[in-house]
Amino acid sequence: MLFAVISCAPAMYNLSTSKDIPSGLLSDKEVLVLTPADGISDGSIAAGSGSKLATKVYYYLNTKDCEVSLDEDHKSIKRIDESELQKYDYVILPAIVSWEDNATVWSGKPDRIQFTIEIYDKDKRKVASGSIDSKSTNATFTANDPSELIDKPLLEFINKLF
């Protein structure tokens, strides 16, 4: 019984946001989500991690009252053509700061992910941001992945935008 409780224990996370996030910032707006570069884990690129994060941002925004598009080609707002940028009210730029994929089952060392989300208007001014640091439990009986640590804090951040 104790082992079942330990393996199902929730991840711990810390969410910090910019102080002035206006209520309803993204409501009824056109939003573009950029795909960040992949994270690095133990000196190796965590292939597909940037796409996983962007897809989750896109997914959760799709459950809200806004029109959202996913851009898999651009990693920076600076590289988007001005005429393309004018189609959107806001651009969301997620970025992976740290991606630690540990063999928690064997090592007892938790998986960890740190990422930021910056929101820009069509004039490339940052209007809001969030920073998330999330880690898994130290004990588990199943293999896990840092992408499993994104959902809960990301949803909390997105809810602040509506």
N, C-alpha and C. Protein backbone atom coordinates (compact mmCIF):
# COMPACT_ATOMS: atom_id res chain seq x y z
N MET A 1 0.82 -1.19 0.00
CA MET A 1 0.00 0.00 0.00
C MET A 1 0.87 1.26 0.00
N LEU A 2 1.90 1.28 0.85
CA LEU A 2 2.78 2.44 0.92
C LEU A 2 3.45 2.70 -0.43
N PHE A 3 3.89 1.64 -1.11
CA PHE A 3 4.55 1.80 -2.40
C PHE A 3 3.60 2.36 -3.44
N ALA A 4 2.35 1.96 -3.41
CA ALA A 4 1.36 2.49 -4.34
C ALA A 4 1.16 3.99 -4.12
N VAL A 5 1.14 4.42 -2.87
CA VAL A 5 0.98 5.83 -2.57
C VAL A 5 2.19 6.62 -3.04
N ILE A 6 3.38 6.09 -2.82
CA ILE A 6 4.61 6.77 -3.23
C ILE A 6 4.67 6.90 -4.74
N SER A 7 4.35 5.85 -5.48
CA SER A 7 4.49 5.91 -6.93
C SER A 7 3.44 6.81 -7.56
N CYS A 8 2.36 7.09 -6.87
CA CYS A 8 1.32 7.95 -7.43
C CYS A 8 1.36 9.36 -6.85
N ALA A 9 2.37 9.67 -6.04
CA ALA A 9 2.45 10.99 -5.43
C ALA A 9 2.61 12.05 -6.52
N PRO A 10 1.93 13.18 -6.36
CA PRO A 10 1.97 14.21 -7.39
C PRO A 10 3.33 14.90 -7.44
N ALA A 11 3.63 15.47 -8.59
CA ALA A 11 4.85 16.24 -8.76
C ALA A 11 4.75 17.54 -7.99
N MET A 12 5.90 18.09 -7.67
CA MET A 12 5.96 19.40 -7.01
C MET A 12 6.32 20.42 -8.08
N TYR A 13 5.71 21.61 -7.99
CA TYR A 13 6.07 22.64 -8.96
C TYR A 13 5.96 24.02 -8.34
N ASN A 14 6.66 24.95 -8.97
CA ASN A 14 6.61 26.34 -8.58
C ASN A 14 6.31 27.14 -9.84
N LEU A 15 5.29 27.97 -9.77
CA LEU A 15 4.91 28.84 -10.88
C LEU A 15 5.05 30.28 -10.44
N SER A 16 5.83 31.04 -11.17
CA SER A 16 5.90 32.48 -10.90
C SER A 16 5.54 33.20 -12.19
N THR A 17 4.81 34.29 -12.04
CA THR A 17 4.34 35.04 -13.21
C THR A 17 4.70 36.51 -13.08
N SER A 18 4.65 37.18 -14.22
CA SER A 18 4.82 38.63 -14.17
C SER A 18 3.65 39.20 -13.38
N LYS A 19 3.87 40.28 -12.71
CA LYS A 19 2.87 40.81 -11.77
C LYS A 19 1.63 41.38 -12.44
N ASP A 20 1.76 41.87 -13.63
CA ASP A 20 0.66 42.61 -14.25
C ASP A 20 -0.01 41.84 -15.39
N ILE A 21 -0.46 40.63 -15.13
CA ILE A 21 -1.18 39.91 -16.17
C ILE A 21 -2.64 40.37 -16.12
N PRO A 22 -3.07 41.08 -17.16
CA PRO A 22 -4.45 41.56 -17.16
C PRO A 22 -5.44 40.39 -17.25
N SER A 23 -6.50 40.47 -16.49
CA SER A 23 -7.54 39.45 -16.55
C SER A 23 -8.13 39.41 -17.96
N GLY A 24 -8.28 38.23 -18.51
CA GLY A 24 -8.86 38.08 -19.84
C GLY A 24 -7.92 38.48 -20.96
N LEU A 25 -6.63 38.46 -20.71
CA LEU A 25 -5.64 38.89 -21.71
C LEU A 25 -5.84 38.22 -23.07
N LEU A 26 -6.07 36.92 -23.08
CA LEU A 26 -6.16 36.20 -24.36
C LEU A 26 -7.59 35.90 -24.80
N SER A 27 -8.58 36.32 -24.03
CA SER A 27 -9.98 36.04 -24.38
C SER A 27 -10.34 36.67 -25.73
N ASP A 28 -10.91 35.85 -26.59
CA ASP A 28 -11.36 36.28 -27.93
C ASP A 28 -10.24 36.84 -28.79
N LYS A 29 -9.02 36.37 -28.61
CA LYS A 29 -7.87 36.88 -29.36
C LYS A 29 -7.32 35.81 -30.29
N GLU A 30 -6.57 36.27 -31.28
CA GLU A 30 -5.83 35.39 -32.19
C GLU A 30 -4.45 35.20 -31.59
N VAL A 31 -4.07 33.93 -31.34
CA VAL A 31 -2.82 33.63 -30.65
C VAL A 31 -1.98 32.68 -31.48
N LEU A 32 -0.70 32.97 -31.57
CA LEU A 32 0.26 32.10 -32.26
C LEU A 32 1.22 31.53 -31.22
N VAL A 33 1.37 30.21 -31.23
CA VAL A 33 2.30 29.53 -30.32
C VAL A 33 3.52 29.08 -31.14
N LEU A 34 4.69 29.52 -30.73
CA LEU A 34 5.93 29.10 -31.39
C LEU A 34 6.45 27.83 -30.73
N THR A 35 7.22 27.06 -31.47
CA THR A 35 7.80 25.82 -30.96
C THR A 35 9.24 26.09 -30.53
N PRO A 36 9.55 25.84 -29.26
CA PRO A 36 10.91 26.13 -28.78
C PRO A 36 11.92 25.08 -29.22
N ALA A 37 13.18 25.43 -29.05
CA ALA A 37 14.26 24.46 -29.28
C ALA A 37 14.12 23.33 -28.26
N ASP A 38 14.60 22.16 -28.62
CA ASP A 38 14.58 21.02 -27.71
C ASP A 38 15.49 21.29 -26.51
N GLY A 39 15.11 20.71 -25.37
CA GLY A 39 15.91 20.83 -24.17
C GLY A 39 17.11 19.90 -24.22
N ILE A 40 17.99 20.07 -23.27
CA ILE A 40 19.20 19.26 -23.17
C ILE A 40 19.12 18.45 -21.88
N SER A 41 19.39 17.16 -21.97
CA SER A 41 19.40 16.29 -20.79
C SER A 41 20.71 15.52 -20.77
N ASP A 42 21.49 15.70 -19.72
CA ASP A 42 22.80 15.05 -19.58
C ASP A 42 23.69 15.26 -20.81
N GLY A 43 23.70 16.46 -21.33
CA GLY A 43 24.56 16.79 -22.46
C GLY A 43 24.03 16.36 -23.81
N SER A 44 22.88 15.69 -23.85
CA SER A 44 22.28 15.25 -25.11
C SER A 44 20.98 15.99 -25.35
N ILE A 45 20.68 16.23 -26.61
CA ILE A 45 19.43 16.88 -26.96
C ILE A 45 18.28 15.92 -26.68
N ALA A 46 17.28 16.40 -25.97
CA ALA A 46 16.07 15.62 -25.68
C ALA A 46 15.14 15.79 -26.88
N ALA A 47 15.37 14.98 -27.90
CA ALA A 47 14.67 15.12 -29.18
C ALA A 47 13.16 15.15 -29.00
N GLY A 48 12.53 16.16 -29.58
CA GLY A 48 11.08 16.29 -29.54
C GLY A 48 10.54 17.00 -28.32
N SER A 49 11.41 17.37 -27.38
CA SER A 49 10.92 18.00 -26.14
C SER A 49 10.31 19.38 -26.42
N GLY A 50 10.89 20.15 -27.32
CA GLY A 50 10.33 21.46 -27.67
C GLY A 50 8.95 21.32 -28.28
N SER A 51 8.80 20.34 -29.15
CA SER A 51 7.50 20.09 -29.77
C SER A 51 6.47 19.63 -28.73
N LYS A 52 6.89 18.82 -27.77
CA LYS A 52 5.97 18.38 -26.71
C LYS A 52 5.45 19.56 -25.92
N LEU A 53 6.34 20.49 -25.55
CA LEU A 53 5.92 21.65 -24.78
C LEU A 53 4.98 22.53 -25.60
N ALA A 54 5.34 22.83 -26.84
CA ALA A 54 4.50 23.68 -27.68
C ALA A 54 3.12 23.05 -27.92
N THR A 55 3.11 21.74 -28.14
CA THR A 55 1.84 21.05 -28.37
C THR A 55 0.94 21.13 -27.15
N LYS A 56 1.51 21.03 -25.97
CA LYS A 56 0.70 21.13 -24.75
C LYS A 56 0.17 22.55 -24.57
N VAL A 57 0.98 23.56 -24.85
CA VAL A 57 0.49 24.95 -24.79
C VAL A 57 -0.67 25.11 -25.77
N TYR A 58 -0.48 24.65 -26.99
CA TYR A 58 -1.51 24.73 -28.02
C TYR A 58 -2.79 23.99 -27.59
N TYR A 59 -2.63 22.79 -27.05
CA TYR A 59 -3.78 21.99 -26.62
C TYR A 59 -4.60 22.72 -25.56
N TYR A 60 -3.94 23.22 -24.52
CA TYR A 60 -4.67 23.88 -23.43
C TYR A 60 -5.29 25.20 -23.88
N LEU A 61 -4.63 25.92 -24.78
CA LEU A 61 -5.24 27.15 -25.30
C LEU A 61 -6.47 26.83 -26.14
N ASN A 62 -6.45 25.69 -26.82
CA ASN A 62 -7.61 25.29 -27.63
C ASN A 62 -8.85 24.99 -26.79
N THR A 63 -8.69 24.80 -25.50
CA THR A 63 -9.84 24.56 -24.63
C THR A 63 -10.42 25.88 -24.12
N LYS A 64 -9.80 26.98 -24.48
CA LYS A 64 -10.21 28.31 -24.00
C LYS A 64 -10.84 29.11 -25.13
N ASP A 65 -11.31 30.29 -24.78
CA ASP A 65 -12.01 31.18 -25.70
C ASP A 65 -11.01 32.05 -26.47
N CYS A 66 -10.28 31.42 -27.41
CA CYS A 66 -9.36 32.15 -28.27
C CYS A 66 -9.13 31.30 -29.52
N GLU A 67 -8.59 31.93 -30.54
CA GLU A 67 -8.21 31.22 -31.76
C GLU A 67 -6.70 31.02 -31.70
N VAL A 68 -6.26 29.78 -31.79
CA VAL A 68 -4.84 29.51 -31.60
C VAL A 68 -4.26 28.75 -32.80
N SER A 69 -3.04 29.11 -33.17
CA SER A 69 -2.31 28.44 -34.24
C SER A 69 -0.95 28.02 -33.68
N LEU A 70 -0.44 26.93 -34.21
CA LEU A 70 0.87 26.42 -33.78
C LEU A 70 1.86 26.58 -34.92
N ASP A 71 2.97 27.24 -34.65
CA ASP A 71 4.04 27.45 -35.63
C ASP A 71 5.20 26.54 -35.24
N GLU A 72 5.44 25.52 -36.04
CA GLU A 72 6.50 24.57 -35.74
C GLU A 72 7.84 24.96 -36.35
N ASP A 73 7.84 26.05 -37.13
CA ASP A 73 9.05 26.45 -37.84
C ASP A 73 9.87 27.53 -37.16
N HIS A 74 9.22 28.42 -36.43
CA HIS A 74 9.93 29.56 -35.84
C HIS A 74 10.17 29.34 -34.35
N LYS A 75 11.40 29.60 -33.94
CA LYS A 75 11.77 29.46 -32.53
C LYS A 75 11.91 30.83 -31.85
N SER A 76 11.78 31.89 -32.64
CA SER A 76 11.94 33.25 -32.12
C SER A 76 10.96 34.18 -32.81
N ILE A 77 10.42 35.11 -32.07
CA ILE A 77 9.50 36.10 -32.64
C ILE A 77 10.24 37.00 -33.63
N LYS A 78 11.54 37.15 -33.46
CA LYS A 78 12.33 38.00 -34.34
C LYS A 78 12.39 37.47 -35.76
N ARG A 79 12.16 36.19 -35.94
CA ARG A 79 12.28 35.58 -37.26
C ARG A 79 10.94 35.52 -38.02
N ILE A 80 9.89 36.00 -37.39
CA ILE A 80 8.58 35.99 -38.05
C ILE A 80 8.42 37.26 -38.88
N ASP A 81 8.00 37.08 -40.11
CA ASP A 81 7.77 38.20 -41.02
C ASP A 81 6.71 39.13 -40.43
N GLU A 82 6.92 40.44 -40.56
CA GLU A 82 6.00 41.44 -39.98
C GLU A 82 4.58 41.26 -40.48
N SER A 83 4.41 40.97 -41.75
CA SER A 83 3.05 40.81 -42.29
C SER A 83 2.36 39.59 -41.68
N GLU A 84 3.12 38.54 -41.42
CA GLU A 84 2.56 37.34 -40.77
C GLU A 84 2.21 37.65 -39.31
N LEU A 85 3.06 38.37 -38.65
CA LEU A 85 2.87 38.71 -37.25
C LEU A 85 1.60 39.54 -37.03
N GLN A 86 1.25 40.38 -37.99
CA GLN A 86 0.08 41.25 -37.85
C GLN A 86 -1.24 40.48 -37.87
N LYS A 87 -1.21 39.22 -38.23
CA LYS A 87 -2.43 38.39 -38.23
C LYS A 87 -2.86 37.99 -36.83
N TYR A 88 -1.96 38.16 -35.85
CA TYR A 88 -2.21 37.67 -34.50
C TYR A 88 -2.22 38.83 -33.49
N ASP A 89 -3.00 38.65 -32.45
CA ASP A 89 -3.00 39.63 -31.36
C ASP A 89 -1.81 39.39 -30.44
N TYR A 90 -1.50 38.09 -30.22
CA TYR A 90 -0.42 37.73 -29.32
C TYR A 90 0.38 36.55 -29.85
N VAL A 91 1.65 36.52 -29.50
CA VAL A 91 2.54 35.41 -29.82
C VAL A 91 3.06 34.85 -28.50
N ILE A 92 2.96 33.54 -28.35
CA ILE A 92 3.45 32.88 -27.14
C ILE A 92 4.72 32.12 -27.48
N LEU A 93 5.74 32.44 -26.70
CA LEU A 93 7.05 31.81 -26.91
C LEU A 93 7.43 31.00 -25.67
N PRO A 94 7.20 29.68 -25.72
CA PRO A 94 7.70 28.83 -24.63
C PRO A 94 9.19 28.57 -24.85
N ALA A 95 9.92 28.34 -23.77
CA ALA A 95 11.34 28.01 -23.88
C ALA A 95 11.70 27.03 -22.76
N ILE A 96 12.44 26.00 -23.12
CA ILE A 96 12.90 25.02 -22.14
C ILE A 96 14.23 25.50 -21.56
N VAL A 97 14.25 25.68 -20.26
CA VAL A 97 15.46 26.10 -19.57
C VAL A 97 16.27 24.87 -19.16
N SER A 98 15.57 23.86 -18.64
CA SER A 98 16.23 22.64 -18.17
C SER A 98 15.30 21.45 -18.39
N TRP A 99 15.84 20.34 -18.84
CA TRP A 99 15.08 19.12 -19.11
C TRP A 99 15.90 17.97 -18.54
N GLU A 100 15.57 17.51 -17.34
CA GLU A 100 16.30 16.43 -16.68
C GLU A 100 15.48 15.15 -16.72
N ASP A 101 15.89 14.22 -17.55
CA ASP A 101 15.22 12.93 -17.63
C ASP A 101 16.11 11.91 -16.93
N ASN A 102 15.76 11.61 -15.69
CA ASN A 102 16.55 10.70 -14.87
C ASN A 102 15.88 9.33 -14.77
N ALA A 103 16.66 8.32 -14.52
CA ALA A 103 16.12 6.97 -14.30
C ALA A 103 15.65 6.90 -12.84
N THR A 104 14.55 7.58 -12.55
CA THR A 104 14.04 7.72 -11.19
C THR A 104 13.79 6.37 -10.53
N VAL A 105 13.30 5.41 -11.30
CA VAL A 105 13.01 4.08 -10.77
C VAL A 105 14.24 3.49 -10.10
N TRP A 106 15.41 3.67 -10.74
CA TRP A 106 16.64 3.06 -10.24
C TRP A 106 17.45 3.98 -9.35
N SER A 107 17.44 5.27 -9.66
CA SER A 107 18.34 6.19 -8.96
C SER A 107 17.69 6.93 -7.79
N GLY A 108 16.38 7.04 -7.81
CA GLY A 108 15.70 7.84 -6.81
C GLY A 108 15.84 9.33 -7.07
N LYS A 109 16.49 9.69 -8.17
CA LYS A 109 16.65 11.10 -8.55
C LYS A 109 15.46 11.50 -9.43
N PRO A 110 14.73 12.53 -9.03
CA PRO A 110 13.51 12.90 -9.77
C PRO A 110 13.79 13.51 -11.14
N ASP A 111 12.82 13.35 -12.04
CA ASP A 111 12.85 14.09 -13.30
C ASP A 111 12.55 15.54 -12.95
N ARG A 112 13.02 16.44 -13.81
CA ARG A 112 12.79 17.85 -13.56
C ARG A 112 12.70 18.58 -14.88
N ILE A 113 11.83 19.59 -14.91
CA ILE A 113 11.75 20.47 -16.07
C ILE A 113 11.58 21.89 -15.58
N GLN A 114 12.28 22.79 -16.25
CA GLN A 114 12.12 24.22 -16.02
C GLN A 114 11.83 24.82 -17.39
N PHE A 115 10.77 25.63 -17.45
CA PHE A 115 10.48 26.30 -18.71
C PHE A 115 9.85 27.65 -18.45
N THR A 116 9.94 28.51 -19.45
CA THR A 116 9.33 29.83 -19.38
C THR A 116 8.32 29.96 -20.50
N ILE A 117 7.40 30.88 -20.28
CA ILE A 117 6.44 31.22 -21.33
C ILE A 117 6.38 32.74 -21.36
N GLU A 118 6.69 33.31 -22.52
CA GLU A 118 6.61 34.75 -22.70
C GLU A 118 5.53 35.05 -23.71
N ILE A 119 4.76 36.10 -23.44
CA ILE A 119 3.67 36.50 -24.32
C ILE A 119 3.99 37.89 -24.86
N TYR A 120 3.97 38.00 -26.18
CA TYR A 120 4.28 39.25 -26.86
C TYR A 120 3.06 39.73 -27.64
N ASP A 121 2.94 41.05 -27.79
CA ASP A 121 1.90 41.57 -28.66
C ASP A 121 2.46 41.62 -30.09
N LYS A 122 1.63 42.03 -31.03
CA LYS A 122 2.06 42.03 -32.44
C LYS A 122 3.17 43.03 -32.73
N ASP A 123 3.43 43.93 -31.78
CA ASP A 123 4.53 44.89 -31.94
C ASP A 123 5.81 44.41 -31.25
N LYS A 124 5.83 43.13 -30.89
CA LYS A 124 6.98 42.46 -30.27
C LYS A 124 7.33 42.99 -28.88
N ARG A 125 6.32 43.52 -28.19
CA ARG A 125 6.52 43.95 -26.80
C ARG A 125 6.05 42.84 -25.88
N LYS A 126 6.89 42.50 -24.89
CA LYS A 126 6.51 41.47 -23.94
C LYS A 126 5.42 42.04 -23.02
N VAL A 127 4.29 41.31 -22.92
CA VAL A 127 3.18 41.79 -22.10
C VAL A 127 2.96 40.93 -20.86
N ALA A 128 3.46 39.72 -20.87
CA ALA A 128 3.30 38.83 -19.70
C ALA A 128 4.31 37.69 -19.83
N SER A 129 4.60 37.07 -18.68
CA SER A 129 5.51 35.92 -18.70
C SER A 129 5.27 35.05 -17.49
N GLY A 130 5.71 33.82 -17.62
CA GLY A 130 5.63 32.88 -16.51
C GLY A 130 6.86 31.99 -16.52
N SER A 131 7.22 31.52 -15.34
CA SER A 131 8.35 30.63 -15.18
C SER A 131 7.90 29.45 -14.34
N ILE A 132 8.18 28.25 -14.82
CA ILE A 132 7.73 27.04 -14.14
C ILE A 132 8.91 26.12 -13.88
N ASP A 133 8.99 25.64 -12.66
CA ASP A 133 10.00 24.67 -12.25
C ASP A 133 9.23 23.51 -11.63
N SER A 134 9.34 22.34 -12.22
CA SER A 134 8.55 21.19 -11.78
C SER A 134 9.44 19.96 -11.67
N LYS A 135 9.19 19.16 -10.64
CA LYS A 135 9.97 17.93 -10.50
C LYS A 135 9.05 16.80 -10.05
N SER A 136 9.46 15.60 -10.41
CA SER A 136 8.70 14.41 -10.04
C SER A 136 9.05 13.99 -8.62
N THR A 137 8.41 12.96 -8.16
CA THR A 137 8.74 12.41 -6.84
C THR A 137 10.07 11.66 -6.94
N ASN A 138 10.64 11.34 -5.80
CA ASN A 138 11.91 10.62 -5.76
C ASN A 138 11.73 9.12 -5.91
N ALA A 139 10.51 8.63 -5.73
CA ALA A 139 10.27 7.19 -5.78
C ALA A 139 9.12 6.89 -6.74
N THR A 140 9.36 5.97 -7.64
CA THR A 140 8.33 5.55 -8.58
C THR A 140 8.62 4.12 -9.03
N PHE A 141 7.60 3.46 -9.50
CA PHE A 141 7.78 2.10 -9.99
C PHE A 141 7.64 2.01 -11.50
N THR A 142 7.43 3.17 -12.14
CA THR A 142 7.28 3.18 -13.58
C THR A 142 8.23 4.21 -14.18
N ALA A 143 8.61 3.97 -15.42
CA ALA A 143 9.43 4.95 -16.12
C ALA A 143 8.58 6.19 -16.37
N ASN A 144 9.22 7.34 -16.28
CA ASN A 144 8.49 8.57 -16.54
C ASN A 144 9.33 9.47 -17.43
N ASP A 145 8.75 10.62 -17.75
CA ASP A 145 9.37 11.54 -18.69
C ASP A 145 9.09 12.96 -18.19
N PRO A 146 10.02 13.89 -18.34
CA PRO A 146 9.78 15.25 -17.88
C PRO A 146 8.53 15.90 -18.50
N SER A 147 8.11 15.47 -19.68
CA SER A 147 6.92 16.06 -20.30
C SER A 147 5.66 15.83 -19.45
N GLU A 148 5.70 14.80 -18.59
CA GLU A 148 4.57 14.52 -17.71
C GLU A 148 4.44 15.58 -16.62
N LEU A 149 5.44 16.40 -16.45
CA LEU A 149 5.45 17.42 -15.41
C LEU A 149 4.95 18.78 -15.91
N ILE A 150 4.56 18.87 -17.16
CA ILE A 150 4.16 20.13 -17.77
C ILE A 150 2.70 20.49 -17.48
N ASP A 151 1.80 19.54 -17.54
CA ASP A 151 0.37 19.80 -17.59
C ASP A 151 -0.19 20.67 -16.46
N LYS A 152 -0.02 20.26 -15.24
CA LYS A 152 -0.66 20.94 -14.12
C LYS A 152 -0.21 22.40 -13.98
N PRO A 153 1.10 22.69 -13.95
CA PRO A 153 1.49 24.10 -13.83
C PRO A 153 1.16 24.91 -15.08
N LEU A 154 1.25 24.30 -16.25
CA LEU A 154 0.92 25.01 -17.48
C LEU A 154 -0.56 25.42 -17.48
N LEU A 155 -1.42 24.50 -17.11
CA LEU A 155 -2.85 24.81 -17.06
C LEU A 155 -3.13 25.92 -16.04
N GLU A 156 -2.45 25.89 -14.91
CA GLU A 156 -2.62 26.97 -13.92
C GLU A 156 -2.22 28.32 -14.52
N PHE A 157 -1.11 28.35 -15.25
CA PHE A 157 -0.67 29.59 -15.89
C PHE A 157 -1.67 30.05 -16.93
N ILE A 158 -2.11 29.15 -17.79
CA ILE A 158 -3.06 29.52 -18.84
C ILE A 158 -4.37 30.03 -18.25
N ASN A 159 -4.82 29.42 -17.17
CA ASN A 159 -6.06 29.90 -16.54
C ASN A 159 -5.93 31.35 -16.07
N LYS A 160 -4.73 31.79 -15.74
CA LYS A 160 -4.52 33.19 -15.32
C LYS A 160 -4.70 34.15 -16.46
N LEU A 161 -4.63 33.65 -17.70
CA LEU A 161 -4.70 34.50 -18.88
C LEU A 161 -6.13 34.71 -19.38
N PHE A 162 -7.10 34.02 -18.74
CA PHE A 162 -8.49 34.10 -19.20
C PHE A 162 -9.44 34.55 -18.11
